[in-house]
N, C-alpha and C. Protein backbone atom coordinates (compact mmCIF):
# COMPACT_ATOMS: atom_id res chain seq x y z
N UNK A 1 -25.74 19.00 -5.30
CA UNK A 1 -24.82 18.03 -4.85
C UNK A 1 -24.27 16.96 -5.79
N UNK A 2 -23.03 16.97 -5.54
CA UNK A 2 -22.40 16.05 -6.58
C UNK A 2 -21.82 14.58 -5.88
N UNK A 3 -22.21 13.78 -6.82
CA UNK A 3 -21.67 12.01 -6.04
C UNK A 3 -20.81 11.59 -7.28
N UNK A 4 -20.05 10.66 -6.58
CA UNK A 4 -18.92 10.09 -7.24
C UNK A 4 -19.09 8.64 -6.78
N UNK A 5 -18.82 7.95 -7.86
CA UNK A 5 -19.35 6.46 -7.64
C UNK A 5 -17.95 6.12 -7.47
N UNK A 6 -17.60 5.38 -6.34
CA UNK A 6 -16.27 4.63 -6.03
C UNK A 6 -16.52 3.06 -6.47
N UNK A 7 -16.00 2.55 -7.36
CA UNK A 7 -16.16 0.93 -6.98
C UNK A 7 -15.59 0.17 -5.86
N UNK A 8 -15.96 -1.04 -5.19
CA UNK A 8 -15.84 -1.45 -4.40
C UNK A 8 -14.32 -2.09 -4.92
N UNK A 9 -13.54 -1.70 -3.77
CA UNK A 9 -12.05 -2.45 -3.97
C UNK A 9 -12.31 -4.12 -3.85
N UNK A 10 -11.13 -4.61 -5.09
CA UNK A 10 -10.73 -6.30 -4.83
C UNK A 10 -9.70 -6.61 -4.33
N UNK A 11 -9.70 -7.59 -3.35
CA UNK A 11 -8.64 -8.20 -2.96
C UNK A 11 -8.11 -7.90 -3.66
N UNK A 12 -6.62 -8.39 -3.23
CA UNK A 12 -5.56 -8.44 -3.98
C UNK A 12 -5.12 -9.71 -4.67
N UNK A 13 -5.66 -10.83 -4.02
CA UNK A 13 -5.84 -12.18 -4.28
C UNK A 13 -6.62 -12.44 -5.72
N UNK A 14 -7.79 -11.39 -5.45
CA UNK A 14 -8.63 -11.41 -6.72
C UNK A 14 -8.01 -10.96 -7.86
N UNK A 15 -7.17 -9.48 -7.46
CA UNK A 15 -6.68 -9.43 -8.91
C UNK A 15 -5.93 -10.17 -9.43
N UNK A 16 -4.76 -10.74 -8.37
CA UNK A 16 -3.91 -11.87 -9.35
C UNK A 16 -4.31 -12.97 -9.60
N UNK A 17 -4.86 -13.65 -9.49
CA UNK A 17 -6.12 -14.37 -10.62
C UNK A 17 -6.23 -14.34 -11.75
N UNK A 18 -6.69 -12.50 -12.17
CA UNK A 18 -6.92 -12.33 -13.08
C UNK A 18 -5.54 -12.37 -14.14
N UNK A 19 -4.64 -12.14 -13.63
CA UNK A 19 -3.34 -12.58 -14.06
C UNK A 19 -2.82 -13.83 -14.64
N UNK A 20 -3.20 -14.75 -13.84
CA UNK A 20 -3.40 -16.37 -13.77
C UNK A 20 -1.68 -16.47 -12.95
N UNK A 21 -1.26 -17.68 -13.27
CA UNK A 21 -0.14 -18.32 -12.46
C UNK A 21 0.86 -16.74 -12.92
N UNK A 22 1.48 -16.23 -12.23
CA UNK A 22 2.92 -15.65 -12.10
C UNK A 22 3.76 -15.67 -11.07
N UNK A 23 4.82 -16.32 -10.97
CA UNK A 23 5.64 -16.21 -9.94
C UNK A 23 6.11 -15.14 -10.10
N UNK A 24 7.32 -14.46 -10.70
CA UNK A 24 7.53 -13.39 -10.85
C UNK A 24 6.90 -12.41 -10.12
N UNK A 25 5.44 -12.04 -10.80
CA UNK A 25 4.51 -10.87 -10.11
C UNK A 25 4.63 -11.59 -8.39
N UNK A 26 4.41 -12.55 -7.91
CA UNK A 26 3.89 -12.70 -6.91
C UNK A 26 5.52 -12.66 -5.72
N UNK A 27 6.47 -13.06 -6.36
CA UNK A 27 7.62 -12.84 -5.58
C UNK A 27 7.52 -11.41 -5.39
N UNK A 28 7.10 -10.18 -6.52
CA UNK A 28 7.25 -8.77 -6.37
C UNK A 28 6.52 -8.24 -4.89
N UNK A 29 5.70 -8.68 -5.36
CA UNK A 29 3.85 -8.72 -4.52
C UNK A 29 4.47 -8.49 -2.95
N UNK A 30 5.30 -10.10 -2.50
CA UNK A 30 5.37 -10.42 -1.52
C UNK A 30 6.81 -9.47 -1.04
N UNK A 31 7.28 -9.39 -2.01
CA UNK A 31 8.94 -8.63 -1.23
C UNK A 31 8.09 -7.34 -0.89
N UNK A 32 7.28 -6.60 -1.89
CA UNK A 32 6.68 -4.94 -2.02
C UNK A 32 6.09 -4.82 -0.26
N UNK A 33 5.34 -5.88 -0.02
CA UNK A 33 4.64 -5.81 1.45
C UNK A 33 5.61 -6.41 2.10
N UNK A 34 6.72 -7.37 2.53
CA UNK A 34 7.39 -7.42 3.44
C UNK A 34 8.34 -5.92 3.62
N UNK A 35 8.57 -5.13 2.66
CA UNK A 35 9.29 -3.84 2.72
C UNK A 35 8.52 -2.83 4.08
N UNK A 36 6.88 -2.98 3.34
CA UNK A 36 6.37 -2.17 3.35
C UNK A 36 6.24 -1.94 5.42
N UNK A 37 6.27 -3.21 4.88
CA UNK A 37 5.47 -3.71 6.65
C UNK A 37 6.63 -3.36 7.90
N UNK A 38 7.98 -3.78 7.15
CA UNK A 38 9.41 -3.55 8.10
C UNK A 38 9.66 -1.61 7.77
N UNK A 39 9.28 -1.34 6.73
CA UNK A 39 9.24 0.30 6.68
C UNK A 39 8.79 1.03 8.19
N UNK A 40 9.36 2.21 8.22
CA UNK A 40 9.13 3.07 9.31
C UNK A 40 8.97 4.76 9.01
N UNK A 41 7.99 5.14 9.53
CA UNK A 41 7.80 6.43 9.57
C UNK A 41 8.57 7.25 9.76
N UNK A 42 9.41 8.52 9.49
CA UNK A 42 10.47 9.39 10.31
C UNK A 42 9.59 9.82 11.14
N UNK A 43 10.44 10.08 12.59
CA UNK A 43 9.73 10.63 13.45
C UNK A 43 10.43 12.38 13.30
N UNK A 44 9.47 13.07 13.95
CA UNK A 44 10.05 14.88 13.95
C UNK A 44 10.26 15.35 15.33
N UNK A 45 10.94 15.51 15.54
CA UNK A 45 12.10 15.99 16.63
C UNK A 45 11.10 17.19 17.01
N UNK A 46 10.30 17.64 18.09
CA UNK A 46 9.46 18.49 17.98
C UNK A 46 10.52 19.74 19.39
N UNK A 47 11.61 19.71 19.57
CA UNK A 47 12.07 20.05 20.63
C UNK A 47 13.09 21.21 19.32
N UNK A 48 13.05 20.84 18.34
CA UNK A 48 13.69 22.17 17.49
C UNK A 48 12.96 22.74 16.59
N UNK A 49 11.11 22.79 17.02
CA UNK A 49 10.52 23.85 16.01
C UNK A 49 9.53 24.75 17.23
N UNK A 50 9.25 25.46 17.11
CA UNK A 50 8.27 26.10 18.17
C UNK A 50 6.89 26.41 17.74
N UNK A 51 5.82 26.10 17.92
CA UNK A 51 4.78 26.28 17.21
C UNK A 51 4.00 28.10 17.34
N UNK A 52 3.59 27.98 16.18
CA UNK A 52 3.30 29.50 16.77
C UNK A 52 1.69 29.72 17.03
């Protein structure tokens, strides 16, 4: 049996505290977060494909 240790994930706020106050980084993270929330996955037109 192979066991892999995966450390618990930290919250983003905990990670940012380690960097100290950095308005540019905070703005960049906020912008990326907004973009990810507004992004959508492309839909697949199933009428163009046949299943085998």
